[in-house]
Amino acid sequence: MLRHLRLMFCFAKFSLLGELAFRSNFLLKILVEMIWLGILLTFFKTIFGKSSSVAGWNEHEFLFFVGAYYALEGFVETFFLENCVEFSELVRSGNLDFCLLKPIDPQFFITLRRVDWSTAPKILLGFIMIGFAMFEIGKPLELWKIPVFLILFLCGCSLAYSFLFFLTALSVWMIRNQSLMEVWWLFTNLMRYPRQIYDSEWALPIRMVFGFIIPALLAVSIPVEFAVKEINIQFTSFLFVIAVVYFFISRIFFNYSLKHYRSASS
């Protein structure tokens, strides 16, 4: 465990040095993320200027939701997304051979070898929005709820990571994964809104598929509902279980895909 933590520290350190070698590009990427956050907040502020609630969520609860979504998206983008996107190039070029020969777990090395520091501020900004939303709600989060919320938040991160990693493993057969990443952006778009907006009858197929089979709707909704709404033990337990199950399924599928990888030397 300590070995993995030391490696993560080294990965993060060298990634930061690489970003700082091109400071202008690094700062521009951060600025773009800030602008995107501003657009997102303006969009939701406009909606609540016309309505006091959306699908049972008032403005401050929705701000909490947006903060949690932004932090979760930032977490995945900072640690995993760039590495997963580049996996197809490792397969195409044969450089995956070098990753597999290293004396470290392949999944750990492939998905964590580079940290995208330009998206790291999204995590901080997301939690700042969460804190501001709680202040506006006027009801502080009970102390015992804080660690449970963080655990559920990490379960949501794990669920998103597992889905992304599953798509990544498909690159062994497809080589190019641009179309797979489009599926990932669909997943993030579904996470962006509370699951209650799909409660209408016409949205039943969406609610069933993305609420239970590919539970994108739960990744952000369940942690936030636990914090600011009534506690639903069934969905809370389901998120924890499905996060663990999906992690191991994605890991098993990745190891299976490696058996079909044709190395550069073959």
C-alpha atoms as a PDB file:
ATOM      1  CA  MET A   1       0.000   0.000   0.000  1.00  0.00           C
ATOM      2  CA  LEU A   2       2.789   2.424   0.957  1.00  0.00           C
ATOM      3  CA  ARG A   3       4.593   1.532  -2.250  1.00  0.00           C
ATOM      4  CA  HIS A   4       1.535   2.492  -4.287  1.00  0.00           C
ATOM      5  CA  LEU A   5       1.149   5.763  -2.390  1.00  0.00           C
ATOM      6  CA  ARG A   6       4.802   6.638  -3.030  1.00  0.00           C
ATOM      7  CA  LEU A   7       4.329   5.887  -6.723  1.00  0.00           C
ATOM      8  CA  MET A   8       1.207   8.055  -6.842  1.00  0.00           C
ATOM      9  CA  PHE A   9       3.171  10.895  -5.252  1.00  0.00           C
ATOM     10  CA  CYS A  10       5.917  10.493  -7.872  1.00  0.00           C
ATOM     11  CA  PHE A  11       3.368  10.389 -10.709  1.00  0.00           C
ATOM     12  CA  ALA A  12       1.725  13.554  -9.388  1.00  0.00           C
ATOM     13  CA  LYS A  13       5.067  15.317  -8.920  1.00  0.00           C
ATOM     14  CA  PHE A  14       6.390  14.594 -12.407  1.00  0.00           C
ATOM     15  CA  SER A  15       3.028  15.430 -13.977  1.00  0.00           C
ATOM     16  CA  LEU A  16       3.063  18.827 -12.268  1.00  0.00           C
ATOM     17  CA  LEU A  17       6.614  19.479 -13.461  1.00  0.00           C
ATOM     18  CA  GLY A  18       5.502  18.616 -16.988  1.00  0.00           C
ATOM     19  CA  GLU A  19       2.550  21.029 -16.752  1.00  0.00           C
ATOM     20  CA  LEU A  20       4.735  23.839 -15.403  1.00  0.00           C
ATOM     21  CA  ALA A  21       7.102  23.451 -18.344  1.00  0.00           C
ATOM     22  CA  PHE A  22       4.292  25.006 -20.419  1.00  0.00           C
ATOM     23  CA  ARG A  23       2.803  27.452 -17.920  1.00  0.00           C
ATOM     24  CA  SER A  24       0.717  29.423 -20.401  1.00  0.00           C
ATOM     25  CA  ASN A  25      -1.044  26.314 -21.655  1.00  0.00           C
ATOM     26  CA  PHE A  26      -1.552  25.113 -18.071  1.00  0.00           C
ATOM     27  CA  LEU A  27      -3.102  28.411 -16.961  1.00  0.00           C
ATOM     28  CA  LEU A  28      -5.262  28.590 -20.091  1.00  0.00           C
ATOM     29  CA  LYS A  29      -6.682  25.132 -19.371  1.00  0.00           C
ATOM     30  CA  ILE A  30      -7.550  26.221 -15.818  1.00  0.00           C
ATOM     31  CA  LEU A  31      -9.185  29.392 -17.179  1.00  0.00           C
ATOM     32  CA  VAL A  32     -11.315  27.318 -19.558  1.00  0.00           C
ATOM     33  CA  GLU A  33     -12.503  25.170 -16.644  1.00  0.00           C
ATOM     34  CA  MET A  34     -13.434  28.316 -14.695  1.00  0.00           C
ATOM     35  CA  ILE A  35     -15.383  29.679 -17.675  1.00  0.00           C
ATOM     36  CA  TRP A  36     -17.208  26.369 -18.056  1.00  0.00           C
ATOM     37  CA  LEU A  37     -18.182  26.485 -14.375  1.00  0.00           C
ATOM     38  CA  GLY A  38     -19.463  30.031 -14.829  1.00  0.00           C
ATOM     39  CA  ILE A  39     -21.602  28.941 -17.793  1.00  0.00           C
ATOM     40  CA  LEU A  40     -22.957  25.989 -15.818  1.00  0.00           C
ATOM     41  CA  LEU A  41     -23.905  28.158 -12.827  1.00  0.00           C
ATOM     42  CA  THR A  42     -25.472  30.787 -15.092  1.00  0.00           C
ATOM     43  CA  PHE A  43     -27.571  28.089 -16.743  1.00  0.00           C
ATOM     44  CA  PHE A  44     -28.934  26.805 -13.444  1.00  0.00           C
ATOM     45  CA  LYS A  45     -29.406  30.331 -12.066  1.00  0.00           C
ATOM     46  CA  THR A  46     -31.510  31.138 -15.136  1.00  0.00           C
ATOM     47  CA  ILE A  47     -33.663  28.065 -14.566  1.00  0.00           C
ATOM     48  CA  PHE A  48     -34.313  28.956 -10.924  1.00  0.00           C
ATOM     49  CA  GLY A  49     -35.080  32.518 -11.936  1.00  0.00           C
ATOM     50  CA  LYS A  50     -38.168  31.071 -13.621  1.00  0.00           C
ATOM     51  CA  SER A  51     -39.040  28.340 -11.120  1.00  0.00           C
ATOM     52  CA  SER A  52     -38.601  27.816  -7.375  1.00  0.00           C
ATOM     53  CA  SER A  53     -37.874  24.107  -7.736  1.00  0.00           C
ATOM     54  CA  VAL A  54     -36.949  21.513 -10.349  1.00  0.00           C
ATOM     55  CA  ALA A  55     -38.102  17.923  -9.827  1.00  0.00           C
ATOM     56  CA  GLY A  56     -38.415  18.593  -6.099  1.00  0.00           C
ATOM     57  CA  TRP A  57     -35.004  20.280  -5.754  1.00  0.00           C
ATOM     58  CA  ASN A  58     -34.841  23.905  -4.627  1.00  0.00           C
ATOM     59  CA  GLU A  59     -32.088  26.270  -5.755  1.00  0.00           C
ATOM     60  CA  HIS A  60     -29.680  25.654  -2.866  1.00  0.00           C
ATOM     61  CA  GLU A  61     -30.100  21.884  -2.963  1.00  0.00           C
ATOM     62  CA  PHE A  62     -29.447  22.001  -6.692  1.00  0.00           C
ATOM     63  CA  LEU A  63     -26.308  24.075  -6.083  1.00  0.00           C
ATOM     64  CA  PHE A  64     -25.125  21.356  -3.701  1.00  0.00           C
ATOM     65  CA  PHE A  65     -25.797  18.829  -6.463  1.00  0.00           C
ATOM     66  CA  VAL A  66     -23.869  20.868  -9.048  1.00  0.00           C
ATOM     67  CA  GLY A  67     -20.939  21.174  -6.639  1.00  0.00           C
ATOM     68  CA  ALA A  68     -20.867  17.419  -6.036  1.00  0.00           C
ATOM     69  CA  TYR A  69     -21.096  16.718  -9.769  1.00  0.00           C
ATOM     70  CA  TYR A  70     -18.319  19.195 -10.539  1.00  0.00           C
ATOM     71  CA  ALA A  71     -16.056  17.711  -7.847  1.00  0.00           C
ATOM     72  CA  LEU A  72     -16.709  14.141  -9.018  1.00  0.00           C
ATOM     73  CA  GLU A  73     -16.079  15.035 -12.656  1.00  0.00           C
ATOM     74  CA  GLY A  74     -12.906  16.856 -11.630  1.00  0.00           C
ATOM     75  CA  PHE A  75     -11.704  13.838  -9.632  1.00  0.00           C
ATOM     76  CA  VAL A  76     -12.138  11.461 -12.571  1.00  0.00           C
ATOM     77  CA  GLU A  77     -10.633  13.893 -15.087  1.00  0.00           C
ATOM     78  CA  THR A  78      -7.646  14.688 -12.861  1.00  0.00           C
ATOM     79  CA  PHE A  79      -6.569  11.131 -12.118  1.00  0.00           C
ATOM     80  CA  PHE A  80      -8.012   8.836 -14.784  1.00  0.00           C
ATOM     81  CA  LEU A  81      -9.467  10.355 -17.952  1.00  0.00           C
ATOM     82  CA  GLU A  82      -6.285  11.358 -19.785  1.00  0.00           C
ATOM     83  CA  ASN A  83      -4.661   8.003 -19.018  1.00  0.00           C
ATOM     84  CA  CYS A  84      -7.688   6.077 -20.259  1.00  0.00           C
ATOM     85  CA  VAL A  85      -7.932   8.145 -23.445  1.00  0.00           C
ATOM     86  CA  GLU A  86      -4.258   7.442 -24.201  1.00  0.00           C
ATOM     87  CA  PHE A  87      -4.640   3.701 -23.658  1.00  0.00           C
ATOM     88  CA  SER A  88      -5.664   3.118 -27.280  1.00  0.00           C
ATOM     89  CA  GLU A  89      -2.427   4.744 -28.432  1.00  0.00           C
ATOM     90  CA  LEU A  90      -0.464   2.399 -26.156  1.00  0.00           C
ATOM     91  CA  VAL A  91      -2.233  -0.524 -27.821  1.00  0.00           C
ATOM     92  CA  ARG A  92      -1.756   0.808 -31.356  1.00  0.00           C
ATOM     93  CA  SER A  93       1.930   1.632 -30.929  1.00  0.00           C
ATOM     94  CA  GLY A  94       2.802  -1.470 -28.928  1.00  0.00           C
ATOM     95  CA  ASN A  95       4.009   0.631 -25.988  1.00  0.00           C
ATOM     96  CA  LEU A  96       1.564  -1.238 -23.779  1.00  0.00           C
ATOM     97  CA  ASP A  97       4.271  -3.929 -23.668  1.00  0.00           C
ATOM     98  CA  PHE A  98       6.444  -1.664 -21.521  1.00  0.00           C
ATOM     99  CA  CYS A  99       3.555  -0.990 -19.123  1.00  0.00           C
ATOM    100  CA  LEU A 100       2.850  -4.686 -18.687  1.00  0.00           C
ATOM    101  CA  LEU A 101       6.508  -5.493 -18.018  1.00  0.00           C
ATOM    102  CA  LYS A 102       6.780  -3.097 -15.087  1.00  0.00           C
ATOM    103  CA  PRO A 103       6.756  -4.693 -11.595  1.00  0.00           C
ATOM    104  CA  ILE A 104       3.471  -3.042 -10.621  1.00  0.00           C
ATOM    105  CA  ASP A 105      -0.196  -3.817 -11.101  1.00  0.00           C
ATOM    106  CA  PRO A 106      -1.012  -2.941 -14.763  1.00  0.00           C
ATOM    107  CA  GLN A 107      -4.367  -1.346 -13.938  1.00  0.00           C
ATOM    108  CA  PHE A 108      -2.779   0.885 -11.307  1.00  0.00           C
ATOM    109  CA  PHE A 109       0.027   2.000 -13.607  1.00  0.00           C
ATOM    110  CA  ILE A 110      -2.049   2.466 -16.759  1.00  0.00           C
ATOM    111  CA  THR A 111      -4.825   4.523 -15.139  1.00  0.00           C
ATOM    112  CA  LEU A 112      -2.744   6.575 -12.680  1.00  0.00           C
ATOM    113  CA  ARG A 113       0.597   7.184 -14.378  1.00  0.00           C
ATOM    114  CA  ARG A 114      -0.257  10.796 -15.256  1.00  0.00           C
ATOM    115  CA  VAL A 115      -2.174  13.432 -13.262  1.00  0.00           C
ATOM    116  CA  ASP A 116      -3.958  16.239 -15.132  1.00  0.00           C
ATOM    117  CA  TRP A 117      -3.348  19.125 -12.722  1.00  0.00           C
ATOM    118  CA  SER A 118      -5.312  21.580 -14.871  1.00  0.00           C
ATOM    119  CA  THR A 119      -8.585  19.913 -13.830  1.00  0.00           C
ATOM    120  CA  ALA A 120      -7.661  19.508 -10.146  1.00  0.00           C
ATOM    121  CA  PRO A 121      -9.172  22.936  -9.225  1.00  0.00           C
ATOM    122  CA  LYS A 122     -12.568  21.518 -10.207  1.00  0.00           C
ATOM    123  CA  ILE A 123     -12.452  19.296  -7.120  1.00  0.00           C
ATOM    124  CA  LEU A 124     -11.767  22.247  -4.822  1.00  0.00           C
ATOM    125  CA  LEU A 125     -14.349  24.472  -6.517  1.00  0.00           C
ATOM    126  CA  GLY A 126     -16.924  21.704  -6.287  1.00  0.00           C
ATOM    127  CA  PHE A 127     -16.495  21.379  -2.530  1.00  0.00           C
ATOM    128  CA  ILE A 128     -16.541  25.165  -2.135  1.00  0.00           C
ATOM    129  CA  MET A 129     -19.941  25.160  -3.870  1.00  0.00           C
ATOM    130  CA  ILE A 130     -21.078  22.374  -1.543  1.00  0.00           C
ATOM    131  CA  GLY A 131     -20.037  24.417   1.499  1.00  0.00           C
ATOM    132  CA  PHE A 132     -21.740  27.550   0.177  1.00  0.00           C
ATOM    133  CA  ALA A 133     -24.916  25.589  -0.592  1.00  0.00           C
ATOM    134  CA  MET A 134     -25.022  24.196   2.944  1.00  0.00           C
ATOM    135  CA  PHE A 135     -24.620  27.735   4.305  1.00  0.00           C
ATOM    136  CA  GLU A 136     -27.515  28.941   2.137  1.00  0.00           C
ATOM    137  CA  ILE A 137     -29.687  25.995   3.136  1.00  0.00           C
ATOM    138  CA  GLY A 138     -29.196  27.114   6.741  1.00  0.00           C
ATOM    139  CA  LYS A 139     -29.042  23.586   8.082  1.00  0.00           C
ATOM    140  CA  PRO A 140     -25.489  22.397   8.799  1.00  0.00           C
ATOM    141  CA  LEU A 141     -24.620  18.852   7.821  1.00  0.00           C
ATOM    142  CA  GLU A 142     -24.661  16.597  10.880  1.00  0.00           C
ATOM    143  CA  LEU A 143     -21.176  15.420  11.852  1.00  0.00           C
ATOM    144  CA  TRP A 144     -21.953  11.728  11.397  1.00  0.00           C
ATOM    145  CA  LYS A 145     -23.218  12.412   7.885  1.00  0.00           C
ATOM    146  CA  ILE A 146     -19.946  13.953   6.680  1.00  0.00           C
ATOM    147  CA  PRO A 147     -17.838  10.735   6.550  1.00  0.00           C
ATOM    148  CA  VAL A 148     -20.795   8.777   5.120  1.00  0.00           C
ATOM    149  CA  PHE A 149     -21.295  11.420   2.427  1.00  0.00           C
ATOM    150  CA  LEU A 150     -17.584  11.269   1.543  1.00  0.00           C
ATOM    151  CA  ILE A 151     -17.736   7.468   1.329  1.00  0.00           C
ATOM    152  CA  LEU A 152     -20.781   7.679  -0.945  1.00  0.00           C
ATOM    153  CA  PHE A 153     -19.014  10.355  -3.003  1.00  0.00           C
ATOM    154  CA  LEU A 154     -16.049   8.004  -3.463  1.00  0.00           C
ATOM    155  CA  CYS A 155     -18.492   5.235  -4.412  1.00  0.00           C
ATOM    156  CA  GLY A 156     -19.816   7.552  -7.119  1.00  0.00           C
ATOM    157  CA  CYS A 157     -16.245   8.222  -8.270  1.00  0.00           C
ATOM    158  CA  SER A 158     -15.558   4.477  -8.304  1.00  0.00           C
ATOM    159  CA  LEU A 159     -18.686   3.851 -10.362  1.00  0.00           C
ATOM    160  CA  ALA A 160     -17.674   6.484 -12.920  1.00  0.00           C
ATOM    161  CA  TYR A 161     -14.099   5.159 -12.999  1.00  0.00           C
ATOM    162  CA  SER A 162     -15.270   1.567 -13.499  1.00  0.00           C
ATOM    163  CA  PHE A 163     -17.447   2.520 -16.458  1.00  0.00           C
ATOM    164  CA  LEU A 164     -14.610   4.549 -17.994  1.00  0.00           C
ATOM    165  CA  PHE A 165     -12.152   1.710 -17.437  1.00  0.00           C
ATOM    166  CA  PHE A 166     -14.537  -0.789 -19.017  1.00  0.00           C
ATOM    167  CA  LEU A 167     -14.667   1.400 -22.140  1.00  0.00           C
ATOM    168  CA  THR A 168     -10.885   1.701 -22.026  1.00  0.00           C
ATOM    169  CA  ALA A 169     -10.425  -2.073 -22.073  1.00  0.00           C
ATOM    170  CA  LEU A 170     -12.470  -2.297 -25.285  1.00  0.00           C
ATOM    171  CA  SER A 171      -9.623  -0.466 -27.043  1.00  0.00           C
ATOM    172  CA  VAL A 172      -7.711  -3.753 -27.165  1.00  0.00           C
ATOM    173  CA  TRP A 173     -10.139  -4.869 -29.886  1.00  0.00           C
ATOM    174  CA  MET A 174     -11.175  -1.514 -31.379  1.00  0.00           C
ATOM    175  CA  ILE A 175      -7.694   0.131 -31.312  1.00  0.00           C
ATOM    176  CA  ARG A 176      -9.197   3.602 -31.810  1.00  0.00           C
ATOM    177  CA  ASN A 177     -11.429   4.668 -28.917  1.00  0.00           C
ATOM    178  CA  GLN A 178     -12.808   8.076 -29.947  1.00  0.00           C
ATOM    179  CA  SER A 179     -16.324   6.632 -30.295  1.00  0.00           C
ATOM    180  CA  LEU A 180     -15.988   4.966 -26.900  1.00  0.00           C
ATOM    181  CA  MET A 181     -15.176   8.299 -25.304  1.00  0.00           C
ATOM    182  CA  GLU A 182     -18.414   9.671 -26.746  1.00  0.00           C
ATOM    183  CA  VAL A 183     -20.182   7.020 -24.680  1.00  0.00           C
ATOM    184  CA  TRP A 184     -18.268   8.302 -21.654  1.00  0.00           C
ATOM    185  CA  TRP A 185     -19.530  11.851 -22.233  1.00  0.00           C
ATOM    186  CA  LEU A 186     -23.066  10.457 -22.393  1.00  0.00           C
ATOM    187  CA  PHE A 187     -22.426   8.907 -18.978  1.00  0.00           C
ATOM    188  CA  THR A 188     -21.258  12.247 -17.543  1.00  0.00           C
ATOM    189  CA  ASN A 189     -24.266  14.064 -19.013  1.00  0.00           C
ATOM    190  CA  LEU A 190     -26.579  11.638 -17.234  1.00  0.00           C
ATOM    191  CA  MET A 191     -24.731  12.259 -13.963  1.00  0.00           C
ATOM    192  CA  ARG A 192     -25.207  16.004 -14.325  1.00  0.00           C
ATOM    193  CA  TYR A 193     -28.894  16.037 -13.340  1.00  0.00           C
ATOM    194  CA  PRO A 194     -30.853  14.545 -10.412  1.00  0.00           C
ATOM    195  CA  ARG A 195     -32.460  11.193 -11.119  1.00  0.00           C
ATOM    196  CA  GLN A 196     -35.899  12.635 -10.274  1.00  0.00           C
ATOM    197  CA  ILE A 197     -36.082  14.493 -13.592  1.00  0.00           C
ATOM    198  CA  TYR A 198     -36.600  11.090 -15.232  1.00  0.00           C
ATOM    199  CA  ASP A 199     -39.622  10.213 -13.070  1.00  0.00           C
ATOM    200  CA  SER A 200     -42.127  10.837 -15.867  1.00  0.00           C
ATOM    201  CA  GLU A 201     -43.679   7.876 -17.655  1.00  0.00           C
ATOM    202  CA  TRP A 202     -41.948   8.521 -20.989  1.00  0.00           C
ATOM    203  CA  ALA A 203     -38.546   8.411 -19.274  1.00  0.00           C
ATOM    204  CA  LEU A 204     -39.111   4.990 -17.663  1.00  0.00           C
ATOM    205  CA  PRO A 205     -36.644   3.176 -19.999  1.00  0.00           C
ATOM    206  CA  ILE A 206     -33.942   5.765 -19.222  1.00  0.00           C
ATOM    207  CA  ARG A 207     -34.614   5.481 -15.487  1.00  0.00           C
ATOM    208  CA  MET A 208     -34.455   1.687 -15.526  1.00  0.00           C
ATOM    209  CA  VAL A 209     -31.359   1.329 -17.719  1.00  0.00           C
ATOM    210  CA  PHE A 210     -29.296   4.158 -16.245  1.00  0.00           C
ATOM    211  CA  GLY A 211     -30.635   3.745 -12.731  1.00  0.00           C
ATOM    212  CA  PHE A 212     -29.991   0.028 -12.270  1.00  0.00           C
ATOM    213  CA  ILE A 213     -28.147  -1.605 -15.183  1.00  0.00           C
ATOM    214  CA  ILE A 214     -25.647   1.190 -15.921  1.00  0.00           C
ATOM    215  CA  PRO A 215     -26.385   3.321 -12.832  1.00  0.00           C
ATOM    216  CA  ALA A 216     -25.058   6.674 -14.043  1.00  0.00           C
ATOM    217  CA  LEU A 217     -28.068   8.430 -12.480  1.00  0.00           C
ATOM    218  CA  LEU A 218     -27.007   7.295  -9.010  1.00  0.00           C
ATOM    219  CA  ALA A 219     -23.350   8.369  -9.005  1.00  0.00           C
ATOM    220  CA  VAL A 220     -24.084  11.937  -7.860  1.00  0.00           C
ATOM    221  CA  SER A 221     -27.765  11.809  -6.904  1.00  0.00           C
ATOM    222  CA  ILE A 222     -27.483   9.312  -4.036  1.00  0.00           C
ATOM    223  CA  PRO A 223     -24.620  11.023  -2.131  1.00  0.00           C
ATOM    224  CA  VAL A 224     -26.358  14.407  -2.456  1.00  0.00           C
ATOM    225  CA  GLU A 225     -29.773  13.045  -1.493  1.00  0.00           C
ATOM    226  CA  PHE A 226     -28.178  11.510   1.596  1.00  0.00           C
ATOM    227  CA  ALA A 227     -26.759  14.906   2.575  1.00  0.00           C
ATOM    228  CA  VAL A 228     -29.660  17.285   1.888  1.00  0.00           C
ATOM    229  CA  LYS A 229     -32.789  15.147   1.567  1.00  0.00           C
ATOM    230  CA  GLU A 230     -34.363  12.180   3.291  1.00  0.00           C
ATOM    231  CA  ILE A 231     -32.063   9.186   3.717  1.00  0.00           C
ATOM    232  CA  ASN A 232     -32.997   6.283   1.457  1.00  0.00           C
ATOM    233  CA  ILE A 233     -31.275   3.223   2.930  1.00  0.00           C
ATOM    234  CA  GLN A 234     -32.127   1.024  -0.059  1.00  0.00           C
ATOM    235  CA  PHE A 235     -30.537   3.301  -2.673  1.00  0.00           C
ATOM    236  CA  THR A 236     -27.626   4.181  -0.373  1.00  0.00           C
ATOM    237  CA  SER A 237     -26.815   0.499   0.147  1.00  0.00           C
ATOM    238  CA  PHE A 238     -27.336  -0.207  -3.543  1.00  0.00           C
ATOM    239  CA  LEU A 239     -24.807   2.472  -4.551  1.00  0.00           C
ATOM    240  CA  PHE A 240     -22.175   1.014  -2.229  1.00  0.00           C
ATOM    241  CA  VAL A 241     -22.739  -2.547  -3.457  1.00  0.00           C
ATOM    242  CA  ILE A 242     -22.936  -1.658  -7.153  1.00  0.00           C
ATOM    243  CA  ALA A 243     -19.750   0.457  -6.923  1.00  0.00           C
ATOM    244  CA  VAL A 244     -17.825  -2.533  -5.548  1.00  0.00           C
ATOM    245  CA  VAL A 245     -19.382  -4.938  -8.064  1.00  0.00           C
ATOM    246  CA  TYR A 246     -18.700  -2.683 -11.054  1.00  0.00           C
ATOM    247  CA  PHE A 247     -15.096  -2.128  -9.959  1.00  0.00           C
ATOM    248  CA  PHE A 248     -14.378  -5.853  -9.923  1.00  0.00           C
ATOM    249  CA  ILE A 249     -16.297  -6.442 -13.160  1.00  0.00           C
ATOM    250  CA  SER A 250     -14.231  -3.766 -14.930  1.00  0.00           C
ATOM    251  CA  ARG A 251     -11.027  -5.225 -13.487  1.00  0.00           C
ATOM    252  CA  ILE A 252     -11.925  -8.763 -14.583  1.00  0.00           C
ATOM    253  CA  PHE A 253     -12.859  -7.507 -18.052  1.00  0.00           C
ATOM    254  CA  PHE A 254      -9.574  -5.579 -18.329  1.00  0.00           C
ATOM    255  CA  ASN A 255      -7.538  -8.672 -17.428  1.00  0.00           C
ATOM    256  CA  TYR A 256      -9.575 -10.642 -19.959  1.00  0.00           C
ATOM    257  CA  SER A 257      -8.865  -8.028 -22.648  1.00  0.00           C
ATOM    258  CA  LEU A 258      -5.127  -8.254 -21.968  1.00  0.00           C
ATOM    259  CA  LYS A 259      -5.243 -11.940 -22.879  1.00  0.00           C
ATOM    260  CA  HIS A 260      -6.363 -10.846 -26.354  1.00  0.00           C
ATOM    261  CA  TYR A 261      -3.733  -8.120 -26.680  1.00  0.00           C
ATOM    262  CA  ARG A 262      -1.274  -8.737 -29.501  1.00  0.00           C
ATOM    263  CA  SER A 263       1.996  -7.218 -28.396  1.00  0.00           C
ATOM    264  CA  ALA A 264       4.428  -5.428 -30.693  1.00  0.00           C
ATOM    265  CA  SER A 265       6.739  -8.438 -30.538  1.00  0.00           C
ATOM    266  CA  SER A 266       4.064 -10.965 -31.580  1.00  0.00           C
END
